[in-house]
PDB file of N, CA and C in Angstrom:
ATOM      1  N   MET A   1       0.858  -1.201   0.000  1.00  0.00           N
ATOM      2  CA  MET A   1       0.000   0.000   0.000  1.00  0.00           C
ATOM      3  C   MET A   1       0.889   1.244   0.000  1.00  0.00           C
ATOM      4  N   PRO A   2       0.615   2.185  -0.894  1.00  0.00           N
ATOM      5  CA  PRO A   2       1.400   3.427  -0.908  1.00  0.00           C
ATOM      6  C   PRO A   2       1.357   4.123   0.450  1.00  0.00           C
ATOM      7  N   GLN A   3       2.450   4.707   0.833  1.00  0.00           N
ATOM      8  CA  GLN A   3       2.561   5.293   2.176  1.00  0.00           C
ATOM      9  C   GLN A   3       1.510   6.367   2.441  1.00  0.00           C
ATOM     10  N   HIS A   4       1.226   7.210   1.429  1.00  0.00           N
ATOM     11  CA  HIS A   4       0.252   8.278   1.668  1.00  0.00           C
ATOM     12  C   HIS A   4      -1.149   7.706   1.870  1.00  0.00           C
ATOM     13  N   LEU A   5      -1.447   6.568   1.247  1.00  0.00           N
ATOM     14  CA  LEU A   5      -2.757   5.955   1.466  1.00  0.00           C
ATOM     15  C   LEU A   5      -2.817   5.333   2.862  1.00  0.00           C
ATOM     16  N   LEU A   6      -1.714   4.768   3.306  1.00  0.00           N
ATOM     17  CA  LEU A   6      -1.668   4.195   4.644  1.00  0.00           C
ATOM     18  C   LEU A   6      -1.883   5.285   5.689  1.00  0.00           C
ATOM     19  N   ALA A   7      -1.232   6.430   5.480  1.00  0.00           N
ATOM     20  CA  ALA A   7      -1.394   7.552   6.401  1.00  0.00           C
ATOM     21  C   ALA A   7      -2.836   8.049   6.393  1.00  0.00           C
ATOM     22  N   ALA A   8      -3.440   8.090   5.198  1.00  0.00           N
ATOM     23  CA  ALA A   8      -4.828   8.533   5.097  1.00  0.00           C
ATOM     24  C   ALA A   8      -5.738   7.565   5.834  1.00  0.00           C
ATOM     25  N   LYS A   9      -5.446   6.276   5.722  1.00  0.00           N
ATOM     26  CA  LYS A   9      -6.257   5.265   6.412  1.00  0.00           C
ATOM     27  C   LYS A   9      -6.223   5.506   7.915  1.00  0.00           C
ATOM     28  N   VAL A  10      -5.054   5.798   8.439  1.00  0.00           N
ATOM     29  CA  VAL A  10      -4.924   6.029   9.882  1.00  0.00           C
ATOM     30  C   VAL A  10      -5.698   7.274  10.291  1.00  0.00           C
ATOM     31  N   ARG A  11      -5.590   8.335   9.504  1.00  0.00           N
ATOM     32  CA  ARG A  11      -6.294   9.576   9.844  1.00  0.00           C
ATOM     33  C   ARG A  11      -7.804   9.389   9.826  1.00  0.00           C
ATOM     34  N   ILE A  12      -8.292   8.665   8.814  1.00  0.00           N
ATOM     35  CA  ILE A  12      -9.736   8.446   8.733  1.00  0.00           C
ATOM     36  C   ILE A  12     -10.209   7.622   9.927  1.00  0.00           C
ATOM     37  N   SER A  13      -9.445   6.603  10.276  1.00  0.00           N
ATOM     38  CA  SER A  13      -9.821   5.741  11.392  1.00  0.00           C
ATOM     39  C   SER A  13      -9.883   6.550  12.681  1.00  0.00           C
ATOM     40  N   ASP A  14      -8.878   7.388  12.907  1.00  0.00           N
ATOM     41  CA  ASP A  14      -8.858   8.217  14.109  1.00  0.00           C
ATOM     42  C   ASP A  14     -10.049   9.169  14.140  1.00  0.00           C
ATOM     43  N   ALA A  15     -10.343   9.771  12.998  1.00  0.00           N
ATOM     44  CA  ALA A  15     -11.456  10.721  12.941  1.00  0.00           C
ATOM     45  C   ALA A  15     -12.780  10.014  13.196  1.00  0.00           C
ATOM     46  N   ALA A  16     -12.953   8.833  12.610  1.00  0.00           N
ATOM     47  CA  ALA A  16     -14.203   8.097  12.785  1.00  0.00           C
ATOM     48  C   ALA A  16     -14.385   7.707  14.247  1.00  0.00           C
ATOM     49  N   ASN A  17     -13.306   7.301  14.886  1.00  0.00           N
ATOM     50  CA  ASN A  17     -13.394   6.917  16.290  1.00  0.00           C
ATOM     51  C   ASN A  17     -13.652   8.127  17.179  1.00  0.00           C
ATOM     52  N   SER A  18     -13.065   9.272  16.826  1.00  0.00           N
ATOM     53  CA  SER A  18     -13.234  10.474  17.636  1.00  0.00           C
ATOM     54  C   SER A  18     -14.669  10.979  17.600  1.00  0.00           C
ATOM     55  N   TYR A  19     -15.268  10.979  16.417  1.00  0.00           N
ATOM     56  CA  TYR A  19     -16.624  11.501  16.281  1.00  0.00           C
ATOM     57  C   TYR A  19     -17.683  10.448  16.581  1.00  0.00           C
ATOM     58  N   GLY A  20     -17.276   9.181  16.590  1.00  0.00           N
ATOM     59  CA  GLY A  20     -18.213   8.119  16.903  1.00  0.00           C
ATOM     60  C   GLY A  20     -19.294   7.933  15.860  1.00  0.00           C
ATOM     61  N   ARG A  21     -19.022   8.332  14.638  1.00  0.00           N
ATOM     62  CA  ARG A  21     -20.003   8.163  13.565  1.00  0.00           C
ATOM     63  C   ARG A  21     -19.253   8.066  12.242  1.00  0.00           C
ATOM     64  N   PRO A  22     -19.868   7.442  11.230  1.00  0.00           N
ATOM     65  CA  PRO A  22     -19.233   7.333   9.916  1.00  0.00           C
ATOM     66  C   PRO A  22     -19.012   8.716   9.296  1.00  0.00           C
ATOM     67  N   LEU A  23     -17.884   8.873   8.633  1.00  0.00           N
ATOM     68  CA  LEU A  23     -17.613  10.122   7.926  1.00  0.00           C
ATOM     69  C   LEU A  23     -17.890   9.904   6.446  1.00  0.00           C
ATOM     70  N   ARG A  24     -18.270  10.958   5.756  1.00  0.00           N
ATOM     71  CA  ARG A  24     -18.576  10.804   4.334  1.00  0.00           C
ATOM     72  C   ARG A  24     -17.285  10.844   3.510  1.00  0.00           C
ATOM     73  N   MET A  25     -17.051   9.740   2.808  1.00  0.00           N
ATOM     74  CA  MET A  25     -15.833   9.617   2.027  1.00  0.00           C
ATOM     75  C   MET A  25     -15.669  10.747   1.022  1.00  0.00           C
ATOM     76  N   SER A  26     -16.765  11.164   0.401  1.00  0.00           N
ATOM     77  CA  SER A  26     -16.694  12.148  -0.671  1.00  0.00           C
ATOM     78  C   SER A  26     -16.130  13.486  -0.187  1.00  0.00           C
ATOM     79  N   VAL A  27     -16.242  13.754   1.097  1.00  0.00           N
ATOM     80  CA  VAL A  27     -15.737  15.013   1.637  1.00  0.00           C
ATOM     81  C   VAL A  27     -14.212  15.008   1.716  1.00  0.00           C
ATOM     82  N   TYR A  28     -13.634  13.837   1.938  1.00  0.00           N
ATOM     83  CA  TYR A  28     -12.203  13.753   2.188  1.00  0.00           C
ATOM     84  C   TYR A  28     -11.382  13.188   1.043  1.00  0.00           C
ATOM     85  N   PHE A  29     -11.990  12.268   0.287  1.00  0.00           N
ATOM     86  CA  PHE A  29     -11.229  11.605  -0.768  1.00  0.00           C
ATOM     87  C   PHE A  29     -12.090  11.434  -2.013  1.00  0.00           C
ATOM     88  N   PRO A  30     -11.449  11.382  -3.176  1.00  0.00           N
ATOM     89  CA  PRO A  30     -12.177  11.094  -4.411  1.00  0.00           C
ATOM     90  C   PRO A  30     -12.667   9.652  -4.415  1.00  0.00           C
ATOM     91  N   ALA A  31     -13.520   9.339  -5.362  1.00  0.00           N
ATOM     92  CA  ALA A  31     -14.140   8.022  -5.401  1.00  0.00           C
ATOM     93  C   ALA A  31     -13.107   6.900  -5.510  1.00  0.00           C
ATOM     94  N   ARG A  32     -11.921   7.187  -6.026  1.00  0.00           N
ATOM     95  CA  ARG A  32     -10.902   6.155  -6.185  1.00  0.00           C
ATOM     96  C   ARG A  32     -10.494   5.577  -4.834  1.00  0.00           C
ATOM     97  N   ALA A  33     -10.670   6.314  -3.775  1.00  0.00           N
ATOM     98  CA  ALA A  33     -10.273   5.856  -2.445  1.00  0.00           C
ATOM     99  C   ALA A  33     -11.433   5.219  -1.683  1.00  0.00           C
ATOM    100  N   ARG A  34     -12.564   5.014  -2.345  1.00  0.00           N
ATOM    101  CA  ARG A  34     -13.764   4.507  -1.679  1.00  0.00           C
ATOM    102  C   ARG A  34     -13.514   3.181  -0.965  1.00  0.00           C
ATOM    103  N   ASP A  35     -12.841   2.246  -1.642  1.00  0.00           N
ATOM    104  CA  ASP A  35     -12.615   0.938  -1.034  1.00  0.00           C
ATOM    105  C   ASP A  35     -11.761   1.057   0.225  1.00  0.00           C
ATOM    106  N   LEU A  36     -10.715   1.860   0.155  1.00  0.00           N
ATOM    107  CA  LEU A  36      -9.838   2.055   1.308  1.00  0.00           C
ATOM    108  C   LEU A  36     -10.629   2.646   2.471  1.00  0.00           C
ATOM    109  N   TYR A  37     -11.451   3.649   2.160  1.00  0.00           N
ATOM    110  CA  TYR A  37     -12.212   4.334   3.192  1.00  0.00           C
ATOM    111  C   TYR A  37     -13.215   3.390   3.860  1.00  0.00           C
ATOM    112  N   GLU A  38     -13.985   2.678   3.051  1.00  0.00           N
ATOM    113  CA  GLU A  38     -15.008   1.795   3.607  1.00  0.00           C
ATOM    114  C   GLU A  38     -14.371   0.682   4.424  1.00  0.00           C
ATOM    115  N   PHE A  39     -13.234   0.156   3.965  1.00  0.00           N
ATOM    116  CA  PHE A  39     -12.536  -0.885   4.714  1.00  0.00           C
ATOM    117  C   PHE A  39     -12.084  -0.338   6.069  1.00  0.00           C
ATOM    118  N   THR A  40     -11.584   0.895   6.066  1.00  0.00           N
ATOM    119  CA  THR A  40     -11.087   1.482   7.307  1.00  0.00           C
ATOM    120  C   THR A  40     -12.209   1.667   8.319  1.00  0.00           C
ATOM    121  N   LEU A  41     -13.360   2.160   7.867  1.00  0.00           N
ATOM    122  CA  LEU A  41     -14.473   2.362   8.789  1.00  0.00           C
ATOM    123  C   LEU A  41     -14.954   1.035   9.369  1.00  0.00           C
ATOM    124  N   HIS A  42     -15.085   0.027   8.533  1.00  0.00           N
ATOM    125  CA  HIS A  42     -15.553  -1.260   9.027  1.00  0.00           C
ATOM    126  C   HIS A  42     -14.521  -1.897   9.938  1.00  0.00           C
ATOM    127  N   ASP A  43     -13.258  -1.713   9.614  1.00  0.00           N
ATOM    128  CA  ASP A  43     -12.186  -2.302  10.401  1.00  0.00           C
ATOM    129  C   ASP A  43     -12.078  -1.621  11.764  1.00  0.00           C
ATOM    130  N   GLY A  44     -12.328  -0.309  11.791  1.00  0.00           N
ATOM    131  CA  GLY A  44     -12.199   0.443  13.038  1.00  0.00           C
ATOM    132  C   GLY A  44     -13.439   0.344  13.920  1.00  0.00           C
ATOM    133  N   ALA A  45     -14.575  -0.020  13.316  1.00  0.00           N
ATOM    134  CA  ALA A  45     -15.819  -0.094  14.073  1.00  0.00           C
ATOM    135  C   ALA A  45     -15.979  -1.499  14.636  1.00  0.00           C
TER     136      ALA A  45
END
């Protein structure tokens, strides 16, 4: 996994845990990152 995507995964996971609710992928990443984002939310929840 490219390093910047790994870092993004960590940031999204932290944000989702902090707010206690799913974040909208479209606000933070383009559709190309959808799989990474959805995996991170499910993995962190």
